[in-house]
N, C-alpha and C. Protein backbone atom coordinates (compact mmCIF):
# COMPACT_ATOMS: atom_id res chain seq x y z
N MET A 1 32.25 38.61 32.00
CA MET A 1 30.88 39.01 32.23
C MET A 1 29.99 38.56 31.05
N LYS A 2 30.51 38.74 29.83
CA LYS A 2 29.75 38.34 28.61
C LYS A 2 29.49 36.83 28.65
N THR A 3 30.50 36.07 29.11
CA THR A 3 30.30 34.62 29.15
C THR A 3 29.22 34.23 30.12
N ILE A 4 29.17 34.88 31.27
CA ILE A 4 28.13 34.61 32.23
C ILE A 4 26.74 34.95 31.73
N LEU A 5 26.65 36.11 31.04
CA LEU A 5 25.37 36.50 30.46
C LEU A 5 24.93 35.54 29.39
N THR A 6 25.86 35.10 28.56
CA THR A 6 25.56 34.15 27.48
C THR A 6 25.00 32.89 28.08
N LYS A 7 25.62 32.37 29.14
CA LYS A 7 25.16 31.16 29.78
C LYS A 7 23.75 31.29 30.37
N LEU A 8 23.53 32.51 30.99
CA LEU A 8 22.21 32.76 31.54
C LEU A 8 21.13 32.78 30.44
N VAL A 9 21.45 33.38 29.30
CA VAL A 9 20.46 33.41 28.20
C VAL A 9 20.19 32.00 27.70
N VAL A 10 21.25 31.17 27.59
CA VAL A 10 21.07 29.79 27.12
C VAL A 10 20.15 29.02 28.08
N VAL A 11 20.43 29.18 29.42
CA VAL A 11 19.61 28.50 30.42
C VAL A 11 18.16 28.94 30.33
N LEU A 12 17.96 30.30 30.19
CA LEU A 12 16.61 30.83 30.14
C LEU A 12 15.87 30.32 28.92
N LEU A 13 16.55 30.26 27.76
CA LEU A 13 15.92 29.77 26.57
C LEU A 13 15.57 28.30 26.69
N THR A 14 16.43 27.54 27.32
CA THR A 14 16.15 26.10 27.54
C THR A 14 14.92 25.86 28.41
N VAL A 15 14.86 26.68 29.51
CA VAL A 15 13.69 26.57 30.41
C VAL A 15 12.40 26.96 29.69
N LEU A 16 12.44 28.01 28.90
CA LEU A 16 11.27 28.41 28.14
C LEU A 16 10.85 27.36 27.18
N THR A 17 11.84 26.73 26.52
CA THR A 17 11.56 25.68 25.53
C THR A 17 10.88 24.51 26.22
N LEU A 18 11.41 24.09 27.40
CA LEU A 18 10.85 22.97 28.15
C LEU A 18 9.42 23.32 28.56
N ALA A 19 9.23 24.53 29.04
CA ALA A 19 7.89 24.97 29.47
C ALA A 19 6.90 24.93 28.32
N GLY A 20 7.40 25.38 27.14
CA GLY A 20 6.52 25.37 25.96
C GLY A 20 6.16 23.95 25.57
N CYS A 21 7.10 23.03 25.66
CA CYS A 21 6.82 21.62 25.33
C CYS A 21 5.82 21.06 26.29
N ALA A 22 6.02 21.36 27.56
CA ALA A 22 5.06 20.83 28.59
C ALA A 22 3.69 21.37 28.37
N GLY A 23 3.54 22.56 27.86
CA GLY A 23 2.24 23.14 27.69
C GLY A 23 1.42 22.48 26.58
N ARG A 24 2.09 21.76 25.68
CA ARG A 24 1.38 21.09 24.62
C ARG A 24 0.87 19.72 25.03
N THR A 25 1.31 19.21 26.18
CA THR A 25 0.88 17.92 26.65
C THR A 25 -0.46 18.01 27.32
N GLN A 26 -1.40 17.14 26.87
CA GLN A 26 -2.77 17.21 27.41
C GLN A 26 -2.84 16.40 28.73
N PRO A 27 -3.65 16.87 29.69
CA PRO A 27 -3.82 16.12 30.91
C PRO A 27 -4.73 14.92 30.70
N GLY A 28 -4.56 13.91 31.56
CA GLY A 28 -5.45 12.76 31.50
C GLY A 28 -5.12 11.77 30.42
N ALA A 29 -5.98 10.79 30.27
CA ALA A 29 -5.77 9.73 29.26
C ALA A 29 -6.19 10.17 27.87
N PRO A 30 -5.56 9.65 26.85
CA PRO A 30 -5.96 9.98 25.46
C PRO A 30 -7.35 9.44 25.21
N PRO A 31 -8.20 10.17 24.47
CA PRO A 31 -9.53 9.69 24.21
C PRO A 31 -9.54 8.46 23.34
N GLU A 32 -10.50 7.55 23.62
CA GLU A 32 -10.63 6.36 22.79
C GLU A 32 -11.30 6.81 21.48
N LEU A 33 -10.86 6.16 20.38
CA LEU A 33 -11.43 6.49 19.09
C LEU A 33 -12.54 5.53 18.71
N ASP A 34 -13.52 6.00 18.01
CA ASP A 34 -14.64 5.16 17.54
C ASP A 34 -14.21 4.51 16.25
N SER A 35 -13.89 3.22 16.29
CA SER A 35 -13.39 2.52 15.13
C SER A 35 -14.47 2.37 14.07
N THR A 36 -15.75 2.64 14.40
CA THR A 36 -16.81 2.50 13.39
C THR A 36 -17.15 3.79 12.77
N ALA A 37 -16.48 4.88 13.15
CA ALA A 37 -16.89 6.22 12.69
C ALA A 37 -16.58 6.42 11.20
N ASP A 38 -15.48 5.90 10.71
CA ASP A 38 -15.09 6.06 9.29
C ASP A 38 -15.04 4.74 8.59
N PRO A 39 -16.10 4.38 7.77
CA PRO A 39 -16.07 3.15 7.06
C PRO A 39 -14.88 3.09 6.09
N TYR A 40 -14.36 1.87 5.87
CA TYR A 40 -13.19 1.77 5.03
C TYR A 40 -13.51 2.10 3.56
N ARG A 41 -12.58 2.86 2.97
CA ARG A 41 -12.72 3.24 1.58
C ARG A 41 -11.53 2.67 0.81
N ILE A 42 -11.83 2.12 -0.35
CA ILE A 42 -10.81 1.47 -1.19
C ILE A 42 -9.78 2.49 -1.62
N GLY A 43 -8.52 2.02 -1.63
CA GLY A 43 -7.43 2.91 -2.05
C GLY A 43 -6.51 2.24 -3.09
N VAL A 44 -5.62 3.00 -3.65
CA VAL A 44 -4.68 2.51 -4.64
C VAL A 44 -3.81 1.40 -4.02
N GLY A 45 -3.71 0.32 -4.74
CA GLY A 45 -2.87 -0.82 -4.28
C GLY A 45 -3.72 -1.88 -3.55
N ASP A 46 -4.91 -1.54 -3.19
CA ASP A 46 -5.77 -2.53 -2.52
C ASP A 46 -6.18 -3.66 -3.47
N THR A 47 -6.31 -4.86 -2.96
CA THR A 47 -6.84 -5.98 -3.74
C THR A 47 -8.31 -6.17 -3.40
N VAL A 48 -9.15 -6.17 -4.42
CA VAL A 48 -10.59 -6.36 -4.20
C VAL A 48 -11.06 -7.62 -4.88
N ALA A 49 -11.85 -8.37 -4.16
CA ALA A 49 -12.46 -9.59 -4.72
C ALA A 49 -13.89 -9.26 -5.14
N ILE A 50 -14.16 -9.42 -6.43
CA ILE A 50 -15.45 -9.10 -6.97
C ILE A 50 -16.17 -10.40 -7.38
N HIS A 51 -17.32 -10.62 -6.76
CA HIS A 51 -18.09 -11.85 -7.00
C HIS A 51 -19.41 -11.46 -7.67
N VAL A 52 -19.64 -12.08 -8.84
CA VAL A 52 -20.89 -11.88 -9.59
C VAL A 52 -21.65 -13.22 -9.57
N TRP A 53 -22.76 -13.22 -8.88
CA TRP A 53 -23.50 -14.47 -8.69
C TRP A 53 -23.93 -15.06 -10.03
N ARG A 54 -23.67 -16.37 -10.19
CA ARG A 54 -24.00 -17.15 -11.36
C ARG A 54 -23.21 -16.71 -12.58
N ASN A 55 -22.17 -15.94 -12.42
CA ASN A 55 -21.32 -15.54 -13.54
C ASN A 55 -19.87 -15.67 -13.14
N PRO A 56 -19.39 -16.91 -13.04
CA PRO A 56 -18.00 -17.12 -12.57
C PRO A 56 -16.93 -16.49 -13.46
N GLU A 57 -17.24 -16.30 -14.73
CA GLU A 57 -16.28 -15.71 -15.61
C GLU A 57 -16.06 -14.22 -15.28
N LEU A 58 -16.96 -13.63 -14.56
CA LEU A 58 -16.80 -12.19 -14.13
C LEU A 58 -16.27 -12.08 -12.70
N THR A 59 -16.23 -13.21 -12.03
CA THR A 59 -15.76 -13.21 -10.59
C THR A 59 -14.23 -13.24 -10.63
N GLN A 60 -13.59 -12.24 -9.99
CA GLN A 60 -12.17 -12.17 -10.02
C GLN A 60 -11.58 -11.29 -8.89
N SER A 61 -10.26 -11.39 -8.73
CA SER A 61 -9.57 -10.58 -7.78
C SER A 61 -8.70 -9.56 -8.50
N ILE A 62 -8.84 -8.26 -8.18
CA ILE A 62 -8.22 -7.21 -8.95
C ILE A 62 -7.47 -6.26 -7.97
N VAL A 63 -6.31 -5.79 -8.41
CA VAL A 63 -5.56 -4.79 -7.66
C VAL A 63 -5.90 -3.39 -8.23
N VAL A 64 -6.23 -2.50 -7.38
CA VAL A 64 -6.55 -1.12 -7.83
C VAL A 64 -5.26 -0.45 -8.42
N ARG A 65 -5.36 0.03 -9.62
CA ARG A 65 -4.22 0.60 -10.32
C ARG A 65 -3.80 1.96 -9.71
N PRO A 66 -2.56 2.45 -10.02
CA PRO A 66 -2.15 3.75 -9.49
C PRO A 66 -3.06 4.89 -9.87
N ASP A 67 -3.78 4.75 -10.94
CA ASP A 67 -4.70 5.84 -11.32
C ASP A 67 -6.06 5.74 -10.60
N GLY A 68 -6.20 4.72 -9.73
CA GLY A 68 -7.42 4.57 -8.93
C GLY A 68 -8.51 3.78 -9.59
N TYR A 69 -8.24 3.16 -10.78
CA TYR A 69 -9.22 2.43 -11.51
C TYR A 69 -8.96 0.92 -11.51
N ILE A 70 -10.01 0.15 -11.79
CA ILE A 70 -9.90 -1.25 -12.07
C ILE A 70 -10.51 -1.55 -13.44
N SER A 71 -10.15 -2.65 -14.03
CA SER A 71 -10.73 -3.02 -15.35
C SER A 71 -11.55 -4.30 -15.19
N MET A 72 -12.77 -4.22 -15.68
CA MET A 72 -13.71 -5.39 -15.60
C MET A 72 -14.15 -5.77 -16.99
N PRO A 73 -14.32 -7.06 -17.27
CA PRO A 73 -14.89 -7.50 -18.55
C PRO A 73 -16.30 -6.94 -18.76
N LEU A 74 -16.57 -6.56 -19.96
CA LEU A 74 -17.87 -6.00 -20.37
C LEU A 74 -18.08 -4.55 -19.93
N MET A 75 -17.22 -4.04 -19.08
CA MET A 75 -17.42 -2.71 -18.52
C MET A 75 -16.25 -1.78 -18.74
N GLY A 76 -15.08 -2.29 -18.97
CA GLY A 76 -13.92 -1.44 -19.08
C GLY A 76 -13.41 -0.92 -17.75
N ASP A 77 -12.96 0.34 -17.70
CA ASP A 77 -12.38 0.89 -16.48
C ASP A 77 -13.46 1.45 -15.59
N LEU A 78 -13.32 1.17 -14.31
CA LEU A 78 -14.24 1.68 -13.27
C LEU A 78 -13.39 2.28 -12.17
N LYS A 79 -13.82 3.49 -11.65
CA LYS A 79 -13.12 4.10 -10.55
C LYS A 79 -13.43 3.39 -9.28
N ALA A 80 -12.35 2.96 -8.54
CA ALA A 80 -12.50 2.25 -7.29
C ALA A 80 -12.00 3.10 -6.12
N ASP A 81 -10.94 3.87 -6.39
CA ASP A 81 -10.29 4.63 -5.31
C ASP A 81 -11.26 5.62 -4.67
N GLY A 82 -11.36 5.58 -3.31
CA GLY A 82 -12.19 6.50 -2.56
C GLY A 82 -13.60 6.01 -2.34
N ARG A 83 -13.96 4.86 -2.91
CA ARG A 83 -15.31 4.31 -2.72
C ARG A 83 -15.32 3.22 -1.66
N LYS A 84 -16.45 3.10 -0.94
CA LYS A 84 -16.64 2.01 -0.04
C LYS A 84 -16.92 0.75 -0.87
N PRO A 85 -16.61 -0.44 -0.35
CA PRO A 85 -16.85 -1.65 -1.11
C PRO A 85 -18.26 -1.76 -1.62
N GLU A 86 -19.25 -1.42 -0.76
CA GLU A 86 -20.62 -1.54 -1.19
C GLU A 86 -20.97 -0.51 -2.30
N GLU A 87 -20.29 0.65 -2.28
CA GLU A 87 -20.52 1.61 -3.36
C GLU A 87 -19.97 1.11 -4.67
N LEU A 88 -18.76 0.48 -4.63
CA LEU A 88 -18.21 -0.08 -5.87
C LEU A 88 -19.06 -1.22 -6.38
N ALA A 89 -19.63 -2.04 -5.48
CA ALA A 89 -20.49 -3.14 -5.87
C ALA A 89 -21.73 -2.57 -6.59
N GLU A 90 -22.25 -1.43 -6.10
CA GLU A 90 -23.46 -0.85 -6.74
C GLU A 90 -23.11 -0.32 -8.16
N VAL A 91 -21.92 0.29 -8.29
CA VAL A 91 -21.50 0.80 -9.61
C VAL A 91 -21.34 -0.36 -10.58
N ILE A 92 -20.75 -1.47 -10.18
CA ILE A 92 -20.56 -2.61 -11.06
C ILE A 92 -21.93 -3.23 -11.38
N ASN A 93 -22.82 -3.28 -10.35
CA ASN A 93 -24.16 -3.84 -10.54
C ASN A 93 -24.91 -3.06 -11.60
N ARG A 94 -24.85 -1.71 -11.53
CA ARG A 94 -25.57 -0.88 -12.51
C ARG A 94 -24.98 -1.10 -13.92
N ALA A 95 -23.69 -1.17 -14.02
CA ALA A 95 -23.03 -1.36 -15.33
C ALA A 95 -23.38 -2.74 -15.93
N LEU A 96 -23.38 -3.76 -15.08
CA LEU A 96 -23.66 -5.12 -15.60
C LEU A 96 -25.15 -5.29 -15.96
N SER A 97 -26.01 -4.48 -15.35
CA SER A 97 -27.42 -4.63 -15.62
C SER A 97 -27.76 -4.28 -17.07
N GLN A 98 -26.80 -3.66 -17.77
CA GLN A 98 -27.02 -3.35 -19.18
C GLN A 98 -26.86 -4.55 -20.08
N VAL A 99 -26.13 -5.57 -19.56
CA VAL A 99 -25.87 -6.80 -20.37
C VAL A 99 -26.30 -8.08 -19.68
N ILE A 100 -26.56 -8.02 -18.37
CA ILE A 100 -26.96 -9.21 -17.64
C ILE A 100 -28.27 -8.92 -16.87
N ARG A 101 -29.15 -9.90 -16.92
CA ARG A 101 -30.43 -9.70 -16.23
C ARG A 101 -30.23 -9.87 -14.71
N SER A 102 -30.65 -8.85 -13.95
CA SER A 102 -30.63 -8.88 -12.46
C SER A 102 -29.32 -9.41 -11.89
N PRO A 103 -28.18 -8.71 -12.17
CA PRO A 103 -26.90 -9.18 -11.57
C PRO A 103 -26.89 -8.92 -10.08
N GLU A 104 -26.12 -9.79 -9.39
CA GLU A 104 -25.96 -9.59 -7.96
C GLU A 104 -24.46 -9.57 -7.70
N VAL A 105 -23.94 -8.43 -7.24
CA VAL A 105 -22.49 -8.21 -7.13
C VAL A 105 -22.12 -7.95 -5.64
N THR A 106 -21.06 -8.59 -5.22
CA THR A 106 -20.49 -8.27 -3.91
C THR A 106 -19.02 -7.98 -4.12
N VAL A 107 -18.52 -7.05 -3.26
CA VAL A 107 -17.12 -6.62 -3.34
C VAL A 107 -16.53 -6.70 -1.93
N MET A 108 -15.36 -7.35 -1.85
CA MET A 108 -14.69 -7.48 -0.54
C MET A 108 -13.24 -7.01 -0.76
N VAL A 109 -12.68 -6.27 0.22
CA VAL A 109 -11.30 -5.90 0.19
C VAL A 109 -10.48 -7.00 0.87
N THR A 110 -9.70 -7.73 0.12
CA THR A 110 -8.96 -8.84 0.66
C THR A 110 -7.52 -8.47 1.11
N ASN A 111 -7.04 -7.35 0.55
CA ASN A 111 -5.70 -6.91 0.95
C ASN A 111 -5.72 -5.35 0.98
N PRO A 112 -5.95 -4.75 2.16
CA PRO A 112 -6.04 -3.27 2.24
C PRO A 112 -4.66 -2.64 2.28
N ALA A 113 -3.91 -2.78 1.16
CA ALA A 113 -2.52 -2.30 1.14
C ALA A 113 -2.42 -0.79 1.30
N SER A 114 -3.42 -0.05 0.85
CA SER A 114 -3.35 1.44 0.92
C SER A 114 -3.40 1.90 2.36
N ALA A 115 -3.95 1.09 3.26
CA ALA A 115 -4.08 1.52 4.66
C ALA A 115 -2.95 1.03 5.54
N GLU A 116 -1.91 0.42 4.94
CA GLU A 116 -0.87 -0.20 5.77
C GLU A 116 -0.23 0.79 6.70
N TYR A 117 0.11 1.99 6.23
CA TYR A 117 0.80 2.94 7.10
C TYR A 117 -0.14 3.75 7.96
N LEU A 118 -1.43 3.76 7.63
CA LEU A 118 -2.40 4.37 8.51
C LEU A 118 -2.70 3.53 9.72
N ASN A 119 -2.54 2.22 9.58
CA ASN A 119 -2.83 1.29 10.67
C ASN A 119 -1.58 0.75 11.34
N ARG A 120 -0.64 1.62 11.56
CA ARG A 120 0.62 1.24 12.25
C ARG A 120 0.73 1.99 13.58
N VAL A 121 1.55 1.48 14.49
CA VAL A 121 1.85 2.14 15.72
C VAL A 121 3.40 2.27 15.79
N ARG A 122 3.89 3.32 16.43
CA ARG A 122 5.32 3.63 16.36
C ARG A 122 5.85 4.05 17.74
N VAL A 123 7.13 3.76 17.97
CA VAL A 123 7.82 4.23 19.19
C VAL A 123 9.20 4.73 18.75
N THR A 124 9.52 5.95 19.19
CA THR A 124 10.77 6.59 18.82
C THR A 124 11.48 7.17 20.04
N GLY A 125 12.70 7.69 19.83
CA GLY A 125 13.40 8.33 20.93
C GLY A 125 14.32 7.34 21.61
N GLN A 126 14.40 7.45 22.95
CA GLN A 126 15.36 6.69 23.73
C GLN A 126 14.88 5.27 24.07
N VAL A 127 14.78 4.48 22.99
CA VAL A 127 14.54 3.02 23.09
C VAL A 127 15.57 2.34 22.25
N PRO A 128 16.00 1.10 22.63
CA PRO A 128 17.06 0.40 21.89
C PRO A 128 16.73 0.19 20.43
N ASN A 129 15.47 -0.08 20.12
CA ASN A 129 15.04 -0.43 18.76
C ASN A 129 13.77 0.32 18.41
N PRO A 130 13.90 1.57 17.86
CA PRO A 130 12.70 2.26 17.41
C PRO A 130 11.90 1.40 16.45
N LEU A 131 10.57 1.47 16.58
CA LEU A 131 9.71 0.59 15.82
C LEU A 131 8.61 1.28 15.07
N SER A 132 8.21 0.67 13.97
CA SER A 132 6.96 1.04 13.28
C SER A 132 6.37 -0.30 12.84
N ILE A 133 5.28 -0.76 13.54
CA ILE A 133 4.74 -2.07 13.27
C ILE A 133 3.24 -1.98 13.05
N PRO A 134 2.69 -2.98 12.39
CA PRO A 134 1.22 -3.00 12.18
C PRO A 134 0.46 -3.04 13.52
N PHE A 135 -0.63 -2.29 13.58
CA PHE A 135 -1.45 -2.28 14.75
C PHE A 135 -2.22 -3.56 14.87
N LYS A 136 -2.34 -4.07 16.11
CA LYS A 136 -3.16 -5.24 16.39
C LYS A 136 -4.11 -4.89 17.52
N GLN A 137 -5.34 -5.34 17.44
CA GLN A 137 -6.34 -5.04 18.45
C GLN A 137 -5.87 -5.51 19.82
N GLY A 138 -6.00 -4.64 20.83
CA GLY A 138 -5.62 -4.97 22.16
C GLY A 138 -4.26 -4.61 22.58
N MET A 139 -3.39 -4.07 21.63
CA MET A 139 -2.05 -3.64 21.96
C MET A 139 -2.05 -2.52 22.97
N THR A 140 -1.11 -2.54 23.88
CA THR A 140 -0.98 -1.49 24.88
C THR A 140 0.36 -0.78 24.79
N VAL A 141 0.50 0.28 25.54
CA VAL A 141 1.79 0.98 25.59
C VAL A 141 2.91 0.03 25.98
N LEU A 142 2.69 -0.78 26.97
CA LEU A 142 3.72 -1.71 27.45
C LEU A 142 4.11 -2.73 26.38
N ASP A 143 3.12 -3.24 25.63
CA ASP A 143 3.42 -4.20 24.57
C ASP A 143 4.42 -3.58 23.57
N LEU A 144 4.13 -2.36 23.12
CA LEU A 144 4.92 -1.75 22.10
C LEU A 144 6.33 -1.41 22.63
N VAL A 145 6.41 -0.87 23.86
CA VAL A 145 7.72 -0.50 24.40
C VAL A 145 8.57 -1.73 24.68
N LEU A 146 7.97 -2.83 25.11
CA LEU A 146 8.76 -4.03 25.32
C LEU A 146 9.33 -4.56 24.00
N GLN A 147 8.54 -4.47 22.93
CA GLN A 147 9.05 -4.89 21.62
C GLN A 147 10.20 -4.01 21.18
N ALA A 148 10.22 -2.75 21.63
CA ALA A 148 11.30 -1.84 21.25
C ALA A 148 12.52 -2.02 22.16
N GLY A 149 12.40 -2.91 23.14
CA GLY A 149 13.55 -3.18 24.03
C GLY A 149 13.56 -2.42 25.30
N GLY A 150 12.43 -1.75 25.67
CA GLY A 150 12.39 -0.98 26.89
C GLY A 150 12.91 0.44 26.69
N VAL A 151 13.36 1.04 27.76
CA VAL A 151 13.90 2.41 27.72
C VAL A 151 15.41 2.37 28.00
N THR A 152 16.19 3.14 27.23
CA THR A 152 17.61 3.13 27.46
C THR A 152 18.00 3.85 28.72
N ASP A 153 19.27 3.74 29.12
CA ASP A 153 19.75 4.41 30.36
C ASP A 153 19.65 5.92 30.24
N PHE A 154 19.59 6.44 29.00
CA PHE A 154 19.56 7.88 28.80
C PHE A 154 18.11 8.37 28.59
N GLY A 155 17.17 7.48 28.67
CA GLY A 155 15.74 7.88 28.40
C GLY A 155 15.04 8.33 29.66
N ALA A 156 14.28 9.40 29.54
CA ALA A 156 13.46 9.92 30.65
C ALA A 156 12.06 9.30 30.49
N GLY A 157 11.95 8.05 31.00
CA GLY A 157 10.69 7.33 30.85
C GLY A 157 9.50 7.99 31.51
N ASP A 158 9.76 8.73 32.57
CA ASP A 158 8.66 9.39 33.26
C ASP A 158 8.14 10.61 32.54
N ARG A 159 8.81 11.02 31.46
CA ARG A 159 8.34 12.16 30.61
C ARG A 159 7.96 11.65 29.21
N ALA A 160 7.78 10.39 29.05
CA ALA A 160 7.37 9.87 27.72
C ALA A 160 5.95 10.37 27.40
N THR A 161 5.70 10.42 26.11
CA THR A 161 4.35 10.87 25.67
C THR A 161 3.80 9.92 24.58
N ILE A 162 2.49 10.01 24.40
CA ILE A 162 1.82 9.30 23.31
C ILE A 162 1.08 10.37 22.50
N GLN A 163 1.30 10.34 21.20
CA GLN A 163 0.63 11.28 20.32
C GLN A 163 -0.49 10.53 19.57
N ARG A 164 -1.68 11.10 19.60
CA ARG A 164 -2.84 10.43 18.98
C ARG A 164 -3.60 11.46 18.10
N LEU A 165 -4.02 10.99 16.96
CA LEU A 165 -4.80 11.81 16.02
C LEU A 165 -6.20 11.89 16.53
N VAL A 166 -6.61 13.13 16.93
CA VAL A 166 -7.99 13.34 17.45
C VAL A 166 -8.64 14.43 16.62
N GLU A 167 -9.67 14.09 15.92
CA GLU A 167 -10.45 15.01 15.11
C GLU A 167 -9.54 15.78 14.16
N GLY A 168 -8.65 15.03 13.53
CA GLY A 168 -7.80 15.62 12.47
C GLY A 168 -6.52 16.28 12.95
N GLU A 169 -6.29 16.35 14.28
CA GLU A 169 -5.08 16.98 14.80
C GLU A 169 -4.41 16.02 15.85
N TYR A 170 -3.07 16.01 15.87
CA TYR A 170 -2.36 15.20 16.80
C TYR A 170 -2.36 15.92 18.17
N GLN A 171 -2.71 15.16 19.18
CA GLN A 171 -2.66 15.64 20.54
C GLN A 171 -1.68 14.77 21.35
N GLU A 172 -0.99 15.38 22.31
CA GLU A 172 0.04 14.68 23.08
C GLU A 172 -0.38 14.47 24.51
N PHE A 173 -0.17 13.25 25.01
CA PHE A 173 -0.60 12.86 26.36
C PHE A 173 0.57 12.22 27.09
N LYS A 174 0.65 12.47 28.38
CA LYS A 174 1.79 11.97 29.16
C LYS A 174 1.62 10.49 29.52
N ILE A 175 2.70 9.76 29.43
CA ILE A 175 2.73 8.36 29.92
C ILE A 175 3.96 8.20 30.79
N ASP A 176 3.85 7.42 31.85
CA ASP A 176 4.97 7.19 32.77
C ASP A 176 5.52 5.82 32.58
N LEU A 177 6.48 5.70 31.68
CA LEU A 177 7.09 4.43 31.38
C LEU A 177 7.91 3.90 32.56
N ASP A 178 8.50 4.79 33.32
CA ASP A 178 9.27 4.37 34.50
C ASP A 178 8.32 3.65 35.49
N GLY A 179 7.16 4.22 35.71
CA GLY A 179 6.22 3.62 36.59
C GLY A 179 5.71 2.25 36.09
N ILE A 180 5.51 2.16 34.78
CA ILE A 180 5.01 0.92 34.17
C ILE A 180 6.09 -0.16 34.26
N LEU A 181 7.32 0.17 33.84
CA LEU A 181 8.38 -0.82 33.72
C LEU A 181 9.02 -1.18 35.05
N ASN A 182 9.18 -0.15 35.94
CA ASN A 182 9.93 -0.39 37.16
C ASN A 182 9.04 -0.67 38.41
N ASP A 183 7.84 -0.07 38.40
CA ASP A 183 7.03 -0.18 39.60
C ASP A 183 5.72 -0.95 39.37
N GLY A 184 5.48 -1.36 38.11
CA GLY A 184 4.23 -2.07 37.82
C GLY A 184 3.01 -1.21 37.92
N ASN A 185 3.17 0.10 37.81
CA ASN A 185 2.03 1.02 37.87
C ASN A 185 1.45 1.14 36.44
N MET A 186 0.27 0.55 36.25
CA MET A 186 -0.34 0.48 34.91
C MET A 186 -1.30 1.60 34.63
N THR A 187 -1.25 2.65 35.44
CA THR A 187 -2.21 3.75 35.27
C THR A 187 -2.15 4.32 33.86
N THR A 188 -0.94 4.48 33.31
CA THR A 188 -0.84 5.10 31.95
C THR A 188 -0.52 4.04 30.88
N ASN A 189 -0.77 2.80 31.21
CA ASN A 189 -0.60 1.76 30.21
C ASN A 189 -1.82 1.68 29.29
N TYR A 190 -1.98 2.72 28.47
CA TYR A 190 -3.18 2.85 27.68
C TYR A 190 -3.22 1.86 26.52
N THR A 191 -4.43 1.51 26.14
CA THR A 191 -4.63 0.70 24.93
C THR A 191 -4.38 1.56 23.71
N LEU A 192 -3.60 1.03 22.81
CA LEU A 192 -3.21 1.79 21.62
C LEU A 192 -4.30 1.81 20.56
N GLN A 193 -4.21 2.84 19.73
CA GLN A 193 -5.08 3.03 18.59
C GLN A 193 -4.22 3.12 17.29
N PRO A 194 -4.73 2.77 16.15
CA PRO A 194 -3.98 2.91 14.88
C PRO A 194 -3.45 4.32 14.76
N GLY A 195 -2.15 4.44 14.39
CA GLY A 195 -1.57 5.75 14.18
C GLY A 195 -0.90 6.32 15.41
N ASP A 196 -1.02 5.70 16.55
CA ASP A 196 -0.36 6.21 17.81
C ASP A 196 1.12 6.24 17.67
N LEU A 197 1.73 7.26 18.29
CA LEU A 197 3.21 7.43 18.36
C LEU A 197 3.64 7.63 19.77
N ILE A 198 4.51 6.76 20.25
CA ILE A 198 5.08 6.91 21.59
C ILE A 198 6.49 7.51 21.44
N SER A 199 6.78 8.56 22.19
CA SER A 199 8.07 9.20 22.12
C SER A 199 8.71 9.22 23.49
N VAL A 200 9.97 8.81 23.55
CA VAL A 200 10.73 8.76 24.83
C VAL A 200 11.88 9.79 24.74
N PRO A 201 11.82 10.87 25.52
CA PRO A 201 12.84 11.93 25.38
C PRO A 201 14.10 11.53 26.14
N LYS A 202 15.18 12.34 25.90
CA LYS A 202 16.43 12.15 26.62
C LYS A 202 16.35 12.74 28.03
N LYS A 203 17.13 12.21 28.93
CA LYS A 203 17.24 12.85 30.24
C LYS A 203 17.97 14.15 30.08
N ARG A 204 17.67 15.11 30.98
CA ARG A 204 18.28 16.44 30.89
C ARG A 204 19.01 16.77 32.14
N LEU A 205 20.22 17.35 32.00
CA LEU A 205 21.03 17.72 33.14
C LEU A 205 20.34 18.80 33.95
N LEU A 206 19.67 19.78 33.31
CA LEU A 206 19.04 20.86 34.02
C LEU A 206 17.86 20.38 34.90
N ARG A 207 17.33 19.23 34.56
CA ARG A 207 16.26 18.65 35.38
C ARG A 207 16.80 17.75 36.44
N GLY A 208 18.12 17.60 36.53
CA GLY A 208 18.70 16.73 37.52
C GLY A 208 18.49 15.24 37.25
N GLU A 209 18.34 14.93 35.98
CA GLU A 209 18.07 13.53 35.61
C GLU A 209 19.35 12.76 35.30
N LEU A 210 20.47 13.50 35.14
CA LEU A 210 21.73 12.82 34.84
C LEU A 210 22.69 12.88 36.01
């Protein structure tokens, strides 16, 4: 009798867990993000190209140090971390104006190393080769899953999800990889955004998937 009751408790807990997981999945397509909403800010490890018009000796390429600063001739250390390129250009311009008449400074980020992991897309779970790769404009769910080798025999592709950072919080949306891969149904073949995570769960006996 105790064994039967124990099994019933396990089944009930499993069902409740599945129901709880399903409740966190949002209906419909994930919202598109406005790529222009947050201007790029310089970070530690970034390489910035600083051009001072008519002053080639001051024109150089500098890597932002771990303390967030760069070193410039005639000016010493300047804080770069957290500033937009045009903000850093204005800081340098003001500093140089003390020693150079009417300086004109431009700053470009030539290697945004600090944003490398912010601008990646990932796929985990029941795929042959879980991936974390740099985001490229135009990538879709299908592109990423194919690079990961598709879905394994133990993967529940019809219950796959995509997690997207929306207004500071990750939200989960359903995608049907079985429909995409097996039936050519592209309804949930969403265009990816930087930071997206695709998760493919295991098939479950209680769902009749095995």
